[in-house]
């Protein structure tokens, strides 16, 4: 059960993150397709709800309203969790979708980010899994 909860958490976070990116259309289509596979009667409603959520996230972003974005993340985490609880076989397809549309987001949300770099000569490498502030003097 904890795997389902973690996958739903990752999916909700990735979904909301991608609502403001170029990968949004692929994520939306993939999630609607997943829903259509297990609940064909509600796939249209899910697509409409995704678009409404995206509009809300875009508004939240322009108003710096992190509370609204968090509410939408939690809503989709819950919806995905319920879907996976009813249909655990859908987890494989959801993982594939997440890996396809946002492998870095998916890995980061799951706590498994991997960074690799190589510098030569007098080159410098700065890496971070999140925020990074560099002050050189």
N, C-alpha and C. Protein backbone atom coordinates (compact mmCIF):
# COMPACT_ATOMS: atom_id res chain seq x y z
N UNK A 1 0.82 -1.20 0.00
CA UNK A 1 0.00 0.00 0.00
C UNK A 1 0.86 1.26 0.00
N UNK A 2 1.98 1.23 0.72
CA UNK A 2 2.83 2.43 0.76
C UNK A 2 3.43 2.73 -0.60
N UNK A 3 3.66 1.70 -1.43
CA UNK A 3 4.14 1.93 -2.80
C UNK A 3 3.11 2.71 -3.60
N UNK A 4 1.85 2.38 -3.43
CA UNK A 4 0.78 3.07 -4.13
C UNK A 4 0.71 4.52 -3.68
N UNK A 5 0.82 4.74 -2.39
CA UNK A 5 0.76 6.11 -1.85
C UNK A 5 1.93 6.93 -2.39
N UNK A 6 3.12 6.36 -2.40
CA UNK A 6 4.30 7.09 -2.89
C UNK A 6 4.19 7.36 -4.39
N UNK A 7 3.71 6.39 -5.15
CA UNK A 7 3.53 6.59 -6.59
C UNK A 7 2.48 7.67 -6.85
N UNK A 8 1.41 7.65 -6.10
CA UNK A 8 0.37 8.68 -6.25
C UNK A 8 0.92 10.06 -5.89
N UNK A 9 1.72 10.13 -4.85
CA UNK A 9 2.33 11.40 -4.44
C UNK A 9 3.25 11.92 -5.56
N UNK A 10 4.06 11.04 -6.10
CA UNK A 10 4.95 11.42 -7.19
C UNK A 10 4.15 11.87 -8.41
N UNK A 11 3.11 11.12 -8.74
CA UNK A 11 2.29 11.46 -9.90
C UNK A 11 1.61 12.82 -9.73
N UNK A 12 1.04 13.07 -8.56
CA UNK A 12 0.37 14.35 -8.32
C UNK A 12 1.33 15.52 -8.40
N UNK A 13 2.50 15.35 -7.81
CA UNK A 13 3.51 16.41 -7.84
C UNK A 13 4.00 16.65 -9.26
N UNK A 14 4.32 15.57 -9.97
CA UNK A 14 4.79 15.70 -11.34
C UNK A 14 3.72 16.30 -12.24
N UNK A 15 2.51 15.85 -12.08
CA UNK A 15 1.39 16.37 -12.88
C UNK A 15 1.27 17.88 -12.74
N UNK A 16 1.22 18.36 -11.52
CA UNK A 16 1.05 19.80 -11.29
C UNK A 16 2.28 20.57 -11.78
N UNK A 17 3.46 20.01 -11.59
CA UNK A 17 4.68 20.65 -12.09
C UNK A 17 4.62 20.79 -13.61
N UNK A 18 4.17 19.75 -14.29
CA UNK A 18 4.15 19.77 -15.75
C UNK A 18 3.01 20.60 -16.33
N UNK A 19 2.05 20.99 -15.50
CA UNK A 19 0.95 21.82 -15.99
C UNK A 19 1.43 23.15 -16.53
N UNK A 20 2.61 23.57 -16.14
CA UNK A 20 3.15 24.85 -16.59
C UNK A 20 4.33 24.66 -17.55
N UNK A 21 4.44 23.47 -18.14
CA UNK A 21 5.58 23.19 -19.01
C UNK A 21 5.10 22.69 -20.38
N UNK A 22 6.07 22.51 -21.26
CA UNK A 22 5.77 22.00 -22.60
C UNK A 22 5.36 20.53 -22.58
N UNK A 23 5.70 19.81 -21.54
CA UNK A 23 5.36 18.38 -21.44
C UNK A 23 3.92 18.16 -20.98
N UNK A 24 3.19 19.24 -20.72
CA UNK A 24 1.83 19.14 -20.20
C UNK A 24 0.92 18.28 -21.07
N UNK A 25 0.91 18.53 -22.37
CA UNK A 25 -0.02 17.82 -23.25
C UNK A 25 0.22 16.32 -23.20
N UNK A 26 1.47 15.90 -23.21
CA UNK A 26 1.79 14.47 -23.16
C UNK A 26 1.35 13.87 -21.82
N UNK A 27 1.59 14.61 -20.74
CA UNK A 27 1.19 14.12 -19.42
C UNK A 27 -0.33 13.99 -19.33
N UNK A 28 -1.04 15.03 -19.78
CA UNK A 28 -2.50 15.00 -19.73
C UNK A 28 -3.03 13.83 -20.55
N UNK A 29 -2.55 13.71 -21.80
CA UNK A 29 -3.02 12.63 -22.67
C UNK A 29 -2.72 11.25 -22.08
N UNK A 30 -1.56 11.10 -21.49
CA UNK A 30 -1.19 9.82 -20.88
C UNK A 30 -2.06 9.48 -19.68
N UNK A 31 -2.35 10.47 -18.87
CA UNK A 31 -3.19 10.23 -17.69
C UNK A 31 -4.63 9.93 -18.11
N UNK A 32 -5.12 10.65 -19.08
CA UNK A 32 -6.48 10.39 -19.57
C UNK A 32 -6.55 8.99 -20.19
N UNK A 33 -5.52 8.61 -20.91
CA UNK A 33 -5.47 7.27 -21.51
C UNK A 33 -5.47 6.19 -20.42
N UNK A 34 -4.71 6.43 -19.36
CA UNK A 34 -4.68 5.49 -18.24
C UNK A 34 -6.07 5.37 -17.62
N UNK A 35 -6.73 6.50 -17.40
CA UNK A 35 -8.07 6.49 -16.83
C UNK A 35 -9.04 5.77 -17.77
N UNK A 36 -8.88 6.02 -19.07
CA UNK A 36 -9.77 5.39 -20.05
C UNK A 36 -9.64 3.87 -20.01
N UNK A 37 -8.43 3.40 -19.74
CA UNK A 37 -8.20 1.95 -19.67
C UNK A 37 -8.97 1.31 -18.53
N UNK A 38 -9.01 1.96 -17.36
CA UNK A 38 -9.63 1.34 -16.20
C UNK A 38 -11.04 1.85 -15.90
N UNK A 39 -11.33 3.09 -16.31
CA UNK A 39 -12.66 3.69 -16.10
C UNK A 39 -13.06 4.49 -17.35
N UNK A 40 -13.37 3.80 -18.44
CA UNK A 40 -13.66 4.53 -19.69
C UNK A 40 -14.80 5.53 -19.56
N UNK A 41 -15.74 5.26 -18.68
CA UNK A 41 -16.90 6.15 -18.53
C UNK A 41 -16.53 7.50 -17.91
N UNK A 42 -15.41 7.58 -17.22
CA UNK A 42 -15.05 8.84 -16.56
C UNK A 42 -13.85 9.54 -17.18
N UNK A 43 -13.29 9.01 -18.26
CA UNK A 43 -12.09 9.60 -18.86
C UNK A 43 -12.35 11.03 -19.35
N UNK A 44 -13.51 11.29 -19.92
CA UNK A 44 -13.84 12.64 -20.38
C UNK A 44 -13.90 13.64 -19.24
N UNK A 45 -14.49 13.22 -18.15
CA UNK A 45 -14.57 14.08 -16.97
C UNK A 45 -13.18 14.36 -16.41
N UNK A 46 -12.34 13.34 -16.38
CA UNK A 46 -10.97 13.51 -15.88
C UNK A 46 -10.22 14.51 -16.75
N UNK A 47 -10.40 14.42 -18.07
CA UNK A 47 -9.73 15.36 -18.97
C UNK A 47 -10.19 16.79 -18.70
N UNK A 48 -11.48 16.98 -18.50
CA UNK A 48 -12.01 18.31 -18.18
C UNK A 48 -11.47 18.80 -16.84
N UNK A 49 -11.40 17.91 -15.87
CA UNK A 49 -10.88 18.28 -14.54
C UNK A 49 -9.39 18.64 -14.62
N UNK A 50 -8.65 17.91 -15.44
CA UNK A 50 -7.24 18.24 -15.62
C UNK A 50 -7.06 19.64 -16.21
N UNK A 51 -7.87 19.96 -17.22
CA UNK A 51 -7.78 21.28 -17.84
C UNK A 51 -8.17 22.38 -16.85
N UNK A 52 -9.19 22.13 -16.05
CA UNK A 52 -9.60 23.11 -15.03
C UNK A 52 -8.49 23.28 -14.00
N UNK A 53 -7.87 22.18 -13.59
CA UNK A 53 -6.77 22.26 -12.64
C UNK A 53 -5.60 23.02 -13.23
N UNK A 54 -5.33 22.80 -14.50
CA UNK A 54 -4.22 23.53 -15.15
C UNK A 54 -4.49 25.03 -15.14
N UNK A 55 -5.71 25.42 -15.45
CA UNK A 55 -6.05 26.85 -15.41
C UNK A 55 -5.83 27.41 -14.01
N UNK A 56 -6.23 26.65 -13.00
CA UNK A 56 -6.03 27.09 -11.62
C UNK A 56 -4.55 27.19 -11.27
N UNK A 57 -3.75 26.23 -11.73
CA UNK A 57 -2.32 26.25 -11.44
C UNK A 57 -1.65 27.44 -12.13
N UNK A 58 -2.04 27.71 -13.36
CA UNK A 58 -1.47 28.86 -14.06
C UNK A 58 -1.83 30.16 -13.35
N UNK A 59 -3.06 30.26 -12.88
CA UNK A 59 -3.47 31.45 -12.12
C UNK A 59 -2.70 31.53 -10.80
N UNK A 60 -2.54 30.40 -10.14
CA UNK A 60 -1.80 30.37 -8.88
C UNK A 60 -0.35 30.79 -9.10
N UNK A 61 0.22 30.34 -10.19
CA UNK A 61 1.60 30.70 -10.50
C UNK A 61 1.74 32.20 -10.73
N UNK A 62 0.82 32.78 -11.48
CA UNK A 62 0.92 34.21 -11.76
C UNK A 62 0.63 35.06 -10.51
N UNK A 63 -0.08 34.50 -9.54
CA UNK A 63 -0.39 35.22 -8.29
C UNK A 63 0.51 34.79 -7.13
N UNK A 64 1.51 33.96 -7.42
CA UNK A 64 2.39 33.43 -6.36
C UNK A 64 1.59 32.79 -5.23
N UNK A 65 0.57 32.03 -5.59
CA UNK A 65 -0.31 31.38 -4.62
C UNK A 65 0.06 29.91 -4.48
N UNK A 66 1.09 29.65 -3.68
CA UNK A 66 1.56 28.28 -3.49
C UNK A 66 0.53 27.41 -2.79
N UNK A 67 -0.31 28.02 -1.96
CA UNK A 67 -1.34 27.26 -1.24
C UNK A 67 -2.32 26.62 -2.22
N UNK A 68 -2.72 27.36 -3.25
CA UNK A 68 -3.63 26.80 -4.25
C UNK A 68 -2.95 25.69 -5.04
N UNK A 69 -1.71 25.90 -5.44
CA UNK A 69 -0.98 24.86 -6.17
C UNK A 69 -0.85 23.60 -5.31
N UNK A 70 -0.58 23.76 -4.03
CA UNK A 70 -0.48 22.62 -3.11
C UNK A 70 -1.82 21.89 -3.00
N UNK A 71 -2.90 22.64 -2.93
CA UNK A 71 -4.24 22.04 -2.86
C UNK A 71 -4.51 21.18 -4.09
N UNK A 72 -4.13 21.68 -5.26
CA UNK A 72 -4.35 20.94 -6.50
C UNK A 72 -3.47 19.70 -6.54
N UNK A 73 -2.22 19.81 -6.09
CA UNK A 73 -1.34 18.64 -6.00
C UNK A 73 -1.97 17.56 -5.13
N UNK A 74 -2.46 17.96 -3.97
CA UNK A 74 -3.06 17.00 -3.05
C UNK A 74 -4.32 16.37 -3.63
N UNK A 75 -5.12 17.18 -4.34
CA UNK A 75 -6.32 16.64 -4.97
C UNK A 75 -5.97 15.54 -5.96
N UNK A 76 -4.98 15.79 -6.83
CA UNK A 76 -4.62 14.78 -7.83
C UNK A 76 -3.88 13.60 -7.21
N UNK A 77 -3.14 13.84 -6.15
CA UNK A 77 -2.52 12.72 -5.45
C UNK A 77 -3.60 11.78 -4.92
N UNK A 78 -4.65 12.35 -4.36
CA UNK A 78 -5.76 11.54 -3.82
C UNK A 78 -6.48 10.79 -4.93
N UNK A 79 -6.74 11.47 -6.04
CA UNK A 79 -7.45 10.82 -7.13
C UNK A 79 -6.64 9.67 -7.71
N UNK A 80 -5.34 9.90 -7.88
CA UNK A 80 -4.48 8.83 -8.42
C UNK A 80 -4.37 7.70 -7.42
N UNK A 81 -4.26 8.02 -6.13
CA UNK A 81 -4.19 6.97 -5.11
C UNK A 81 -5.42 6.09 -5.13
N UNK A 82 -6.60 6.72 -5.23
CA UNK A 82 -7.85 5.93 -5.29
C UNK A 82 -7.87 5.05 -6.54
N UNK A 83 -7.43 5.59 -7.66
CA UNK A 83 -7.39 4.81 -8.90
C UNK A 83 -6.47 3.60 -8.75
N UNK A 84 -5.28 3.83 -8.18
CA UNK A 84 -4.32 2.74 -8.02
C UNK A 84 -4.76 1.73 -6.96
N UNK A 85 -5.48 2.18 -5.96
CA UNK A 85 -5.99 1.26 -4.94
C UNK A 85 -7.02 0.32 -5.56
N UNK A 86 -7.88 0.87 -6.41
CA UNK A 86 -8.89 0.05 -7.09
C UNK A 86 -8.29 -0.81 -8.19
N UNK A 87 -7.25 -0.29 -8.85
CA UNK A 87 -6.65 -0.97 -10.01
C UNK A 87 -5.13 -0.94 -9.90
N UNK A 88 -4.56 -1.75 -9.00
CA UNK A 88 -3.10 -1.75 -8.81
C UNK A 88 -2.33 -2.09 -10.09
N UNK A 89 -2.96 -2.77 -11.01
CA UNK A 89 -2.30 -3.11 -12.27
C UNK A 89 -1.97 -1.87 -13.11
N UNK A 90 -2.61 -0.76 -12.81
CA UNK A 90 -2.36 0.49 -13.54
C UNK A 90 -1.05 1.16 -13.11
N UNK A 91 -0.46 0.70 -12.02
CA UNK A 91 0.77 1.32 -11.51
C UNK A 91 1.91 1.23 -12.52
N UNK A 92 2.03 0.12 -13.20
CA UNK A 92 3.10 -0.05 -14.19
C UNK A 92 2.98 0.98 -15.31
N UNK A 93 1.77 1.16 -15.82
CA UNK A 93 1.56 2.14 -16.88
C UNK A 93 1.83 3.55 -16.39
N UNK A 94 1.44 3.85 -15.16
CA UNK A 94 1.67 5.18 -14.61
C UNK A 94 3.17 5.44 -14.44
N UNK A 95 3.91 4.45 -13.95
CA UNK A 95 5.37 4.61 -13.81
C UNK A 95 6.01 4.86 -15.18
N UNK A 96 5.57 4.13 -16.18
CA UNK A 96 6.11 4.32 -17.53
C UNK A 96 5.81 5.73 -18.05
N UNK A 97 4.61 6.20 -17.80
CA UNK A 97 4.25 7.55 -18.22
C UNK A 97 5.14 8.58 -17.53
N UNK A 98 5.30 8.46 -16.23
CA UNK A 98 6.13 9.40 -15.49
C UNK A 98 7.57 9.38 -15.97
N UNK A 99 8.10 8.21 -16.22
CA UNK A 99 9.47 8.10 -16.72
C UNK A 99 9.61 8.69 -18.11
N UNK A 100 8.57 8.58 -18.90
CA UNK A 100 8.60 9.08 -20.28
C UNK A 100 8.50 10.60 -20.34
N UNK A 101 7.56 11.17 -19.61
CA UNK A 101 7.31 12.61 -19.75
C UNK A 101 8.21 13.47 -18.88
N UNK A 102 8.67 12.95 -17.78
CA UNK A 102 9.49 13.76 -16.88
C UNK A 102 10.39 12.87 -16.04
N UNK A 103 11.37 12.24 -16.66
CA UNK A 103 12.21 11.33 -15.88
C UNK A 103 12.91 12.02 -14.72
N UNK A 104 13.38 13.24 -14.91
CA UNK A 104 14.06 13.94 -13.81
C UNK A 104 13.07 14.31 -12.71
N UNK A 105 11.89 14.79 -13.09
CA UNK A 105 10.87 15.13 -12.09
C UNK A 105 10.44 13.89 -11.32
N UNK A 106 10.24 12.81 -12.05
CA UNK A 106 9.81 11.57 -11.43
C UNK A 106 10.85 11.06 -10.44
N UNK A 107 12.10 11.06 -10.83
CA UNK A 107 13.16 10.59 -9.95
C UNK A 107 13.32 11.50 -8.74
N UNK A 108 13.24 12.81 -8.98
CA UNK A 108 13.40 13.76 -7.88
C UNK A 108 12.26 13.62 -6.88
N UNK A 109 11.03 13.52 -7.38
CA UNK A 109 9.88 13.41 -6.49
C UNK A 109 9.94 12.11 -5.69
N UNK A 110 10.52 11.08 -6.27
CA UNK A 110 10.63 9.81 -5.57
C UNK A 110 11.87 9.76 -4.68
N UNK A 111 12.65 10.84 -4.68
CA UNK A 111 13.83 10.90 -3.83
C UNK A 111 15.05 10.23 -4.41
N UNK A 112 15.08 9.98 -5.71
CA UNK A 112 16.20 9.28 -6.30
C UNK A 112 16.89 10.05 -7.40
N UNK A 113 17.29 11.26 -7.16
CA UNK A 113 17.95 12.06 -8.18
C UNK A 113 19.41 11.64 -8.29
N UNK A 114 19.94 11.66 -9.49
CA UNK A 114 21.32 11.26 -9.75
C UNK A 114 21.98 12.36 -10.58
N UNK A 115 23.09 12.87 -10.10
CA UNK A 115 23.84 13.91 -10.81
C UNK A 115 25.21 13.37 -11.16
N UNK A 116 25.70 13.78 -12.34
CA UNK A 116 27.02 13.35 -12.75
C UNK A 116 27.62 14.46 -13.58
N UNK A 117 28.89 14.75 -13.37
CA UNK A 117 29.55 15.81 -14.13
C UNK A 117 31.04 15.53 -14.20
N UNK A 118 31.68 16.19 -15.16
CA UNK A 118 33.12 16.05 -15.30
C UNK A 118 33.66 17.41 -15.75
N UNK A 119 34.68 17.86 -15.07
CA UNK A 119 35.33 19.11 -15.45
C UNK A 119 36.80 18.81 -15.72
N UNK A 120 37.39 19.61 -16.58
CA UNK A 120 38.81 19.43 -16.85
C UNK A 120 39.49 20.79 -16.87
N UNK A 121 40.79 20.78 -16.77
CA UNK A 121 41.53 22.03 -16.76
C UNK A 121 41.13 22.87 -15.57
N UNK A 122 40.77 24.11 -15.84
CA UNK A 122 40.32 25.01 -14.77
C UNK A 122 38.80 25.09 -14.71
N UNK A 123 38.14 24.15 -15.33
CA UNK A 123 36.68 24.14 -15.35
C UNK A 123 36.10 23.87 -13.98
N UNK A 124 34.91 24.35 -13.78
CA UNK A 124 34.19 24.14 -12.52
C UNK A 124 32.84 23.51 -12.82
N UNK A 125 32.38 22.74 -11.89
CA UNK A 125 31.07 22.13 -12.01
C UNK A 125 30.27 22.49 -10.77
N UNK A 126 29.05 22.95 -10.98
CA UNK A 126 28.14 23.25 -9.87
C UNK A 126 26.88 22.43 -10.11
N UNK A 127 26.53 21.60 -9.16
CA UNK A 127 25.34 20.77 -9.30
C UNK A 127 24.49 20.89 -8.04
N UNK A 128 23.20 20.77 -8.26
CA UNK A 128 22.29 20.79 -7.12
C UNK A 128 21.03 20.01 -7.47
N UNK A 129 20.48 19.37 -6.50
CA UNK A 129 19.22 18.67 -6.69
C UNK A 129 18.03 19.60 -6.53
N UNK A 130 18.29 20.81 -6.07
CA UNK A 130 17.26 21.83 -5.88
C UNK A 130 17.88 23.18 -6.04
N UNK A 131 17.55 24.10 -5.15
CA UNK A 131 18.06 25.47 -5.25
C UNK A 131 19.58 25.48 -5.05
N UNK A 132 20.19 26.41 -5.77
CA UNK A 132 21.63 26.55 -5.63
C UNK A 132 21.97 28.04 -5.74
N UNK A 133 22.78 28.49 -4.82
CA UNK A 133 23.21 29.89 -4.83
C UNK A 133 24.74 29.90 -4.78
N UNK A 134 25.34 30.55 -5.75
CA UNK A 134 26.79 30.58 -5.85
C UNK A 134 27.26 32.03 -5.78
N UNK A 135 28.18 32.28 -4.92
CA UNK A 135 28.79 33.61 -4.83
C UNK A 135 30.29 33.41 -4.98
N UNK A 136 30.83 33.83 -6.10
CA UNK A 136 32.27 33.70 -6.33
C UNK A 136 32.92 35.04 -6.13
N UNK A 137 34.08 35.02 -5.52
CA UNK A 137 34.82 36.26 -5.27
C UNK A 137 36.18 36.15 -5.86
